[in-house]
Amino acid sequence: MLGVAFIVAIIIAAGRDSLLNIGFSLLAIVTVLNILGYIFGYWAGRLFKQEERDYRAIAISIGMQNAGLASGIAKVKGKLRLLA
């Protein structure tokens, strides 16, 4: 989790100017992506009848991967210019 947080921080710092122009829409999109990852991960674990600790771990794993994915896409698309 610390590794993903560090990567996200680097991407945010690199795209600071674009991020300030995009603002709320980017925040909303990333937040929805992460929340959906947590929800789908949680319910996927329940669907396959895992123990509670397992489906919580699945939810956290998927949610954190979505954060990494969102920052990776932003980096590839030129420091967040894809939404500007």
PDB file of N, CA and C in Angstrom:
ATOM      1  N   MET A   1       0.827  -1.187   0.000  1.00  0.00           N
ATOM      2  CA  MET A   1       0.000   0.000   0.000  1.00  0.00           C
ATOM      3  C   MET A   1       0.873   1.253   0.000  1.00  0.00           C
ATOM      4  N   LEU A   2       1.962   1.195   0.720  1.00  0.00           N
ATOM      5  CA  LEU A   2       2.859   2.353   0.743  1.00  0.00           C
ATOM      6  C   LEU A   2       3.477   2.592  -0.632  1.00  0.00           C
ATOM      7  N   GLY A   3       3.789   1.511  -1.335  1.00  0.00           N
ATOM      8  CA  GLY A   3       4.352   1.643  -2.676  1.00  0.00           C
ATOM      9  C   GLY A   3       3.388   2.314  -3.639  1.00  0.00           C
ATOM     10  N   VAL A   4       2.125   1.899  -3.602  1.00  0.00           N
ATOM     11  CA  VAL A   4       1.117   2.496  -4.474  1.00  0.00           C
ATOM     12  C   VAL A   4       0.911   3.964  -4.100  1.00  0.00           C
ATOM     13  N   ALA A   5       0.868   4.258  -2.802  1.00  0.00           N
ATOM     14  CA  ALA A   5       0.703   5.644  -2.356  1.00  0.00           C
ATOM     15  C   ALA A   5       1.875   6.507  -2.830  1.00  0.00           C
ATOM     16  N   PHE A   6       3.081   5.947  -2.796  1.00  0.00           N
ATOM     17  CA  PHE A   6       4.267   6.683  -3.255  1.00  0.00           C
ATOM     18  C   PHE A   6       4.190   6.962  -4.756  1.00  0.00           C
ATOM     19  N   ILE A   7       3.781   5.969  -5.537  1.00  0.00           N
ATOM     20  CA  ILE A   7       3.660   6.149  -6.981  1.00  0.00           C
ATOM     21  C   ILE A   7       2.599   7.191  -7.305  1.00  0.00           C
ATOM     22  N   VAL A   8       1.463   7.123  -6.619  1.00  0.00           N
ATOM     23  CA  VAL A   8       0.392   8.109  -6.838  1.00  0.00           C
ATOM     24  C   VAL A   8       0.884   9.510  -6.500  1.00  0.00           C
ATOM     25  N   ALA A   9       1.646   9.651  -5.413  1.00  0.00           N
ATOM     26  CA  ALA A   9       2.188  10.960  -5.037  1.00  0.00           C
ATOM     27  C   ALA A   9       3.127  11.503  -6.104  1.00  0.00           C
ATOM     28  N   ILE A  10       3.951  10.653  -6.700  1.00  0.00           N
ATOM     29  CA  ILE A  10       4.870  11.088  -7.759  1.00  0.00           C
ATOM     30  C   ILE A  10       4.087  11.560  -8.984  1.00  0.00           C
ATOM     31  N   ILE A  11       3.064  10.805  -9.368  1.00  0.00           N
ATOM     32  CA  ILE A  11       2.255  11.178 -10.531  1.00  0.00           C
ATOM     33  C   ILE A  11       1.544  12.504 -10.289  1.00  0.00           C
ATOM     34  N   ILE A  12       1.014  12.677  -9.106  1.00  0.00           N
ATOM     35  CA  ILE A  12       0.326  13.933  -8.785  1.00  0.00           C
ATOM     36  C   ILE A  12       1.295  15.104  -8.830  1.00  0.00           C
ATOM     37  N   ALA A  13       2.486  14.904  -8.284  1.00  0.00           N
ATOM     38  CA  ALA A  13       3.479  15.978  -8.303  1.00  0.00           C
ATOM     39  C   ALA A  13       3.918  16.311  -9.726  1.00  0.00           C
ATOM     40  N   ALA A  14       4.076  15.291 -10.570  1.00  0.00           N
ATOM     41  CA  ALA A  14       4.514  15.520 -11.945  1.00  0.00           C
ATOM     42  C   ALA A  14       3.453  16.247 -12.773  1.00  0.00           C
ATOM     43  N   GLY A  15       2.192  16.010 -12.474  1.00  0.00           N
ATOM     44  CA  GLY A  15       1.118  16.627 -13.249  1.00  0.00           C
ATOM     45  C   GLY A  15       0.413  17.735 -12.506  1.00  0.00           C
ATOM     46  N   ARG A  16       1.114  18.420 -11.628  1.00  0.00           N
ATOM     47  CA  ARG A  16       0.525  19.447 -10.772  1.00  0.00           C
ATOM     48  C   ARG A  16      -0.253  20.497 -11.547  1.00  0.00           C
ATOM     49  N   ASP A  17       0.326  21.040 -12.591  1.00  0.00           N
ATOM     50  CA  ASP A  17      -0.329  22.121 -13.347  1.00  0.00           C
ATOM     51  C   ASP A  17      -1.607  21.634 -14.024  1.00  0.00           C
ATOM     52  N   SER A  18      -1.528  20.476 -14.668  1.00  0.00           N
ATOM     53  CA  SER A  18      -2.722  19.919 -15.305  1.00  0.00           C
ATOM     54  C   SER A  18      -3.777  19.569 -14.270  1.00  0.00           C
ATOM     55  N   LEU A  19      -3.332  19.070 -13.133  1.00  0.00           N
ATOM     56  CA  LEU A  19      -4.261  18.702 -12.067  1.00  0.00           C
ATOM     57  C   LEU A  19      -5.017  19.920 -11.556  1.00  0.00           C
ATOM     58  N   LEU A  20      -4.346  21.039 -11.447  1.00  0.00           N
ATOM     59  CA  LEU A  20      -5.020  22.251 -10.992  1.00  0.00           C
ATOM     60  C   LEU A  20      -6.064  22.723 -12.001  1.00  0.00           C
ATOM     61  N   ASN A  21      -5.813  22.496 -13.296  1.00  0.00           N
ATOM     62  CA  ASN A  21      -6.790  22.873 -14.316  1.00  0.00           C
ATOM     63  C   ASN A  21      -7.991  21.931 -14.336  1.00  0.00           C
ATOM     64  N   ILE A  22      -7.749  20.654 -14.113  1.00  0.00           N
ATOM     65  CA  ILE A  22      -8.815  19.657 -14.175  1.00  0.00           C
ATOM     66  C   ILE A  22      -9.659  19.697 -12.908  1.00  0.00           C
ATOM     67  N   GLY A  23      -8.989  19.713 -11.759  1.00  0.00           N
ATOM     68  CA  GLY A  23      -9.649  19.892 -10.483  1.00  0.00           C
ATOM     69  C   GLY A  23     -10.658  18.835 -10.084  1.00  0.00           C
ATOM     70  N   PHE A  24     -11.878  19.268  -9.842  1.00  0.00           N
ATOM     71  CA  PHE A  24     -12.907  18.428  -9.235  1.00  0.00           C
ATOM     72  C   PHE A  24     -13.284  17.223 -10.089  1.00  0.00           C
ATOM     73  N   SER A  25     -13.329  17.368 -11.399  1.00  0.00           N
ATOM     74  CA  SER A  25     -13.744  16.244 -12.245  1.00  0.00           C
ATOM     75  C   SER A  25     -12.789  15.068 -12.113  1.00  0.00           C
ATOM     76  N   LEU A  26     -11.491  15.327 -12.065  1.00  0.00           N
ATOM     77  CA  LEU A  26     -10.520  14.250 -11.897  1.00  0.00           C
ATOM     78  C   LEU A  26     -10.682  13.588 -10.534  1.00  0.00           C
ATOM     79  N   LEU A  27     -10.853  14.389  -9.517  1.00  0.00           N
ATOM     80  CA  LEU A  27     -11.040  13.851  -8.177  1.00  0.00           C
ATOM     81  C   LEU A  27     -12.277  12.955  -8.119  1.00  0.00           C
ATOM     82  N   ALA A  28     -13.353  13.388  -8.732  1.00  0.00           N
ATOM     83  CA  ALA A  28     -14.591  12.605  -8.740  1.00  0.00           C
ATOM     84  C   ALA A  28     -14.409  11.287  -9.492  1.00  0.00           C
ATOM     85  N   ILE A  29     -13.766  11.322 -10.640  1.00  0.00           N
ATOM     86  CA  ILE A  29     -13.570  10.115 -11.443  1.00  0.00           C
ATOM     87  C   ILE A  29     -12.711   9.095 -10.704  1.00  0.00           C
ATOM     88  N   VAL A  30     -11.612   9.536 -10.123  1.00  0.00           N
ATOM     89  CA  VAL A  30     -10.715   8.625  -9.405  1.00  0.00           C
ATOM     90  C   VAL A  30     -11.402   8.072  -8.158  1.00  0.00           C
ATOM     91  N   THR A  31     -12.154   8.914  -7.468  1.00  0.00           N
ATOM     92  CA  THR A  31     -12.864   8.455  -6.275  1.00  0.00           C
ATOM     93  C   THR A  31     -13.899   7.387  -6.623  1.00  0.00           C
ATOM     94  N   VAL A  32     -14.661   7.614  -7.673  1.00  0.00           N
ATOM     95  CA  VAL A  32     -15.666   6.628  -8.098  1.00  0.00           C
ATOM     96  C   VAL A  32     -14.976   5.330  -8.526  1.00  0.00           C
ATOM     97  N   LEU A  33     -13.886   5.416  -9.257  1.00  0.00           N
ATOM     98  CA  LEU A  33     -13.155   4.219  -9.680  1.00  0.00           C
ATOM     99  C   LEU A  33     -12.704   3.399  -8.477  1.00  0.00           C
ATOM    100  N   ASN A  34     -12.141   4.067  -7.478  1.00  0.00           N
ATOM    101  CA  ASN A  34     -11.668   3.345  -6.299  1.00  0.00           C
ATOM    102  C   ASN A  34     -12.819   2.763  -5.488  1.00  0.00           C
ATOM    103  N   ILE A  35     -13.872   3.514  -5.294  1.00  0.00           N
ATOM    104  CA  ILE A  35     -15.019   3.011  -4.530  1.00  0.00           C
ATOM    105  C   ILE A  35     -15.637   1.796  -5.226  1.00  0.00           C
ATOM    106  N   LEU A  36     -15.776   1.870  -6.541  1.00  0.00           N
ATOM    107  CA  LEU A  36     -16.312   0.717  -7.273  1.00  0.00           C
ATOM    108  C   LEU A  36     -15.405  -0.499  -7.137  1.00  0.00           C
ATOM    109  N   GLY A  37     -14.106  -0.282  -7.141  1.00  0.00           N
ATOM    110  CA  GLY A  37     -13.168  -1.392  -6.939  1.00  0.00           C
ATOM    111  C   GLY A  37     -13.337  -2.034  -5.580  1.00  0.00           C
ATOM    112  N   TYR A  38     -13.481  -1.213  -4.539  1.00  0.00           N
ATOM    113  CA  TYR A  38     -13.702  -1.754  -3.198  1.00  0.00           C
ATOM    114  C   TYR A  38     -15.019  -2.527  -3.125  1.00  0.00           C
ATOM    115  N   ILE A  39     -16.075  -1.965  -3.688  1.00  0.00           N
ATOM    116  CA  ILE A  39     -17.389  -2.610  -3.634  1.00  0.00           C
ATOM    117  C   ILE A  39     -17.394  -3.930  -4.407  1.00  0.00           C
ATOM    118  N   PHE A  40     -16.897  -3.909  -5.642  1.00  0.00           N
ATOM    119  CA  PHE A  40     -16.889  -5.130  -6.439  1.00  0.00           C
ATOM    120  C   PHE A  40     -15.979  -6.195  -5.834  1.00  0.00           C
ATOM    121  N   GLY A  41     -14.853  -5.787  -5.286  1.00  0.00           N
ATOM    122  CA  GLY A  41     -13.963  -6.743  -4.636  1.00  0.00           C
ATOM    123  C   GLY A  41     -14.606  -7.387  -3.425  1.00  0.00           C
ATOM    124  N   TYR A  42     -15.293  -6.599  -2.641  1.00  0.00           N
ATOM    125  CA  TYR A  42     -15.985  -7.098  -1.454  1.00  0.00           C
ATOM    126  C   TYR A  42     -17.057  -8.112  -1.835  1.00  0.00           C
ATOM    127  N   TRP A  43     -17.875  -7.744  -2.799  1.00  0.00           N
ATOM    128  CA  TRP A  43     -18.980  -8.625  -3.185  1.00  0.00           C
ATOM    129  C   TRP A  43     -18.513  -9.831  -3.991  1.00  0.00           C
ATOM    130  N   ALA A  44     -17.413  -9.719  -4.689  1.00  0.00           N
ATOM    131  CA  ALA A  44     -16.869 -10.893  -5.385  1.00  0.00           C
ATOM    132  C   ALA A  44     -16.423 -11.943  -4.372  1.00  0.00           C
ATOM    133  N   GLY A  45     -15.802 -11.505  -3.298  1.00  0.00           N
ATOM    134  CA  GLY A  45     -15.409 -12.433  -2.238  1.00  0.00           C
ATOM    135  C   GLY A  45     -16.609 -13.097  -1.595  1.00  0.00           C
ATOM    136  N   ARG A  46     -17.641 -12.326  -1.382  1.00  0.00           N
ATOM    137  CA  ARG A  46     -18.871 -12.890  -0.800  1.00  0.00           C
ATOM    138  C   ARG A  46     -19.542 -13.850  -1.779  1.00  0.00           C
ATOM    139  N   LEU A  47     -19.504 -13.512  -3.057  1.00  0.00           N
ATOM    140  CA  LEU A  47     -20.110 -14.373  -4.072  1.00  0.00           C
ATOM    141  C   LEU A  47     -19.483 -15.766  -4.067  1.00  0.00           C
ATOM    142  N   PHE A  48     -18.167 -15.817  -3.874  1.00  0.00           N
ATOM    143  CA  PHE A  48     -17.462 -17.098  -3.861  1.00  0.00           C
ATOM    144  C   PHE A  48     -17.353 -17.693  -2.457  1.00  0.00           C
ATOM    145  N   LYS A  49     -18.141 -17.154  -1.529  1.00  0.00           N
ATOM    146  CA  LYS A  49     -18.291 -17.683  -0.180  1.00  0.00           C
ATOM    147  C   LYS A  49     -16.962 -17.802   0.573  1.00  0.00           C
ATOM    148  N   GLN A  50     -16.154 -16.756   0.475  1.00  0.00           N
ATOM    149  CA  GLN A  50     -14.917 -16.692   1.231  1.00  0.00           C
ATOM    150  C   GLN A  50     -15.229 -16.263   2.670  1.00  0.00           C
ATOM    151  N   GLU A  51     -14.241 -16.368   3.527  1.00  0.00           N
ATOM    152  CA  GLU A  51     -14.396 -15.854   4.888  1.00  0.00           C
ATOM    153  C   GLU A  51     -14.353 -14.330   4.857  1.00  0.00           C
ATOM    154  N   GLU A  52     -14.870 -13.720   5.902  1.00  0.00           N
ATOM    155  CA  GLU A  52     -14.957 -12.260   5.932  1.00  0.00           C
ATOM    156  C   GLU A  52     -13.587 -11.594   5.773  1.00  0.00           C
ATOM    157  N   ARG A  53     -12.584 -12.098   6.439  1.00  0.00           N
ATOM    158  CA  ARG A  53     -11.249 -11.489   6.326  1.00  0.00           C
ATOM    159  C   ARG A  53     -10.726 -11.581   4.895  1.00  0.00           C
ATOM    160  N   ASP A  54     -11.103 -12.636   4.178  1.00  0.00           N
ATOM    161  CA  ASP A  54     -10.656 -12.803   2.798  1.00  0.00           C
ATOM    162  C   ASP A  54     -11.331 -11.802   1.866  1.00  0.00           C
ATOM    163  N   TYR A  55     -12.643 -11.617   1.988  1.00  0.00           N
ATOM    164  CA  TYR A  55     -13.265 -10.674   1.055  1.00  0.00           C
ATOM    165  C   TYR A  55     -12.943  -9.239   1.381  1.00  0.00           C
ATOM    166  N   ARG A  56     -12.596  -8.962   2.621  1.00  0.00           N
ATOM    167  CA  ARG A  56     -12.095  -7.615   2.928  1.00  0.00           C
ATOM    168  C   ARG A  56     -10.715  -7.394   2.295  1.00  0.00           C
ATOM    169  N   ALA A  57      -9.878  -8.422   2.345  1.00  0.00           N
ATOM    170  CA  ALA A  57      -8.550  -8.325   1.731  1.00  0.00           C
ATOM    171  C   ALA A  57      -8.655  -8.182   0.219  1.00  0.00           C
ATOM    172  N   ILE A  58      -9.593  -8.897  -0.392  1.00  0.00           N
ATOM    173  CA  ILE A  58      -9.807  -8.781  -1.837  1.00  0.00           C
ATOM    174  C   ILE A  58     -10.254  -7.365  -2.188  1.00  0.00           C
ATOM    175  N   ALA A  59     -11.161  -6.809  -1.399  1.00  0.00           N
ATOM    176  CA  ALA A  59     -11.658  -5.454  -1.657  1.00  0.00           C
ATOM    177  C   ALA A  59     -10.532  -4.431  -1.576  1.00  0.00           C
ATOM    178  N   ILE A  60      -9.692  -4.536  -0.564  1.00  0.00           N
ATOM    179  CA  ILE A  60      -8.574  -3.591  -0.415  1.00  0.00           C
ATOM    180  C   ILE A  60      -7.588  -3.749  -1.565  1.00  0.00           C
ATOM    181  N   SER A  61      -7.312  -4.979  -1.945  1.00  0.00           N
ATOM    182  CA  SER A  61      -6.382  -5.230  -3.037  1.00  0.00           C
ATOM    183  C   SER A  61      -6.878  -4.619  -4.347  1.00  0.00           C
ATOM    184  N   ILE A  62      -8.132  -4.839  -4.679  1.00  0.00           N
ATOM    185  CA  ILE A  62      -8.677  -4.308  -5.932  1.00  0.00           C
ATOM    186  C   ILE A  62      -8.749  -2.787  -5.889  1.00  0.00           C
ATOM    187  N   GLY A  63      -9.167  -2.226  -4.765  1.00  0.00           N
ATOM    188  CA  GLY A  63      -9.230  -0.771  -4.645  1.00  0.00           C
ATOM    189  C   GLY A  63      -7.867  -0.113  -4.808  1.00  0.00           C
ATOM    190  N   MET A  64      -6.846  -0.706  -4.211  1.00  0.00           N
ATOM    191  CA  MET A  64      -5.491  -0.152  -4.324  1.00  0.00           C
ATOM    192  C   MET A  64      -4.957  -0.310  -5.747  1.00  0.00           C
ATOM    193  N   GLN A  65      -5.287  -1.403  -6.414  1.00  0.00           N
ATOM    194  CA  GLN A  65      -4.853  -1.579  -7.802  1.00  0.00           C
ATOM    195  C   GLN A  65      -5.502  -0.531  -8.698  1.00  0.00           C
ATOM    196  N   ASN A  66      -6.734  -0.169  -8.413  1.00  0.00           N
ATOM    197  CA  ASN A  66      -7.395   0.868  -9.197  1.00  0.00           C
ATOM    198  C   ASN A  66      -6.706   2.207  -9.034  1.00  0.00           C
ATOM    199  N   ALA A  67      -6.209   2.502  -7.859  1.00  0.00           N
ATOM    200  CA  ALA A  67      -5.467   3.750  -7.647  1.00  0.00           C
ATOM    201  C   ALA A  67      -4.189   3.748  -8.477  1.00  0.00           C
ATOM    202  N   GLY A  68      -3.490   2.630  -8.485  1.00  0.00           N
ATOM    203  CA  GLY A  68      -2.282   2.509  -9.299  1.00  0.00           C
ATOM    204  C   GLY A  68      -2.588   2.585 -10.780  1.00  0.00           C
ATOM    205  N   LEU A  69      -3.681   1.962 -11.190  1.00  0.00           N
ATOM    206  CA  LEU A  69      -4.086   1.996 -12.590  1.00  0.00           C
ATOM    207  C   LEU A  69      -4.427   3.415 -13.032  1.00  0.00           C
ATOM    208  N   ALA A  70      -5.169   4.136 -12.215  1.00  0.00           N
ATOM    209  CA  ALA A  70      -5.551   5.506 -12.559  1.00  0.00           C
ATOM    210  C   ALA A  70      -4.325   6.399 -12.700  1.00  0.00           C
ATOM    211  N   SER A  71      -3.363   6.269 -11.800  1.00  0.00           N
ATOM    212  CA  SER A  71      -2.166   7.098 -11.908  1.00  0.00           C
ATOM    213  C   SER A  71      -1.291   6.662 -13.082  1.00  0.00           C
ATOM    214  N   GLY A  72      -1.251   5.370 -13.382  1.00  0.00           N
ATOM    215  CA  GLY A  72      -0.482   4.899 -14.528  1.00  0.00           C
ATOM    216  C   GLY A  72      -1.041   5.399 -15.842  1.00  0.00           C
ATOM    217  N   ILE A  73      -2.361   5.379 -15.970  1.00  0.00           N
ATOM    218  CA  ILE A  73      -2.994   5.907 -17.181  1.00  0.00           C
ATOM    219  C   ILE A  73      -2.728   7.391 -17.317  1.00  0.00           C
ATOM    220  N   ALA A  74      -2.825   8.113 -16.220  1.00  0.00           N
ATOM    221  CA  ALA A  74      -2.558   9.551 -16.253  1.00  0.00           C
ATOM    222  C   ALA A  74      -1.127   9.831 -16.693  1.00  0.00           C
ATOM    223  N   LYS A  75      -0.184   9.012 -16.223  1.00  0.00           N
ATOM    224  CA  LYS A  75       1.222   9.209 -16.596  1.00  0.00           C
ATOM    225  C   LYS A  75       1.426   8.949 -18.083  1.00  0.00           C
ATOM    226  N   VAL A  76       0.848   7.860 -18.588  1.00  0.00           N
ATOM    227  CA  VAL A  76       1.011   7.499 -19.992  1.00  0.00           C
ATOM    228  C   VAL A  76       0.379   8.549 -20.909  1.00  0.00           C
ATOM    229  N   LYS A  77      -0.734   9.106 -20.504  1.00  0.00           N
ATOM    230  CA  LYS A  77      -1.449  10.068 -21.339  1.00  0.00           C
ATOM    231  C   LYS A  77      -0.890  11.480 -21.249  1.00  0.00           C
ATOM    232  N   GLY A  78       0.246  11.657 -20.657  1.00  0.00           N
ATOM    233  CA  GLY A  78       0.894  12.958 -20.677  1.00  0.00           C
ATOM    234  C   GLY A  78       0.569  13.835 -19.492  1.00  0.00           C
ATOM    235  N   LYS A  79       0.812  13.308 -18.310  1.00  0.00           N
ATOM    236  CA  LYS A  79       0.666  14.079 -17.090  1.00  0.00           C
ATOM    237  C   LYS A  79      -0.727  14.679 -16.931  1.00  0.00           C
ATOM    238  N   LEU A  80      -1.715  13.831 -17.069  1.00  0.00           N
ATOM    239  CA  LEU A  80      -3.111  14.165 -16.771  1.00  0.00           C
ATOM    240  C   LEU A  80      -3.796  15.016 -17.821  1.00  0.00           C
ATOM    241  N   ARG A  81      -3.229  15.169 -18.999  1.00  0.00           N
ATOM    242  CA  ARG A  81      -3.868  15.996 -20.016  1.00  0.00           C
ATOM    243  C   ARG A  81      -5.062  15.322 -20.682  1.00  0.00           C
ATOM    244  N   LEU A  82      -5.291  14.038 -20.431  1.00  0.00           N
ATOM    245  CA  LEU A  82      -6.375  13.359 -21.121  1.00  0.00           C
ATOM    246  C   LEU A  82      -7.743  13.902 -20.742  1.00  0.00           C
ATOM    247  N   LEU A  83      -7.908  14.516 -19.606  1.00  0.00           N
ATOM    248  CA  LEU A  83      -9.195  15.035 -19.187  1.00  0.00           C
ATOM    249  C   LEU A  83      -9.316  16.543 -19.374  1.00  0.00           C
ATOM    250  N   ALA A  84      -8.263  17.188 -19.774  1.00  0.00           N
ATOM    251  CA  ALA A  84      -8.291  18.657 -19.881  1.00  0.00           C
ATOM    252  C   ALA A  84      -8.976  19.120 -21.134  1.00  0.00           C
TER     253      ALA A  84
END
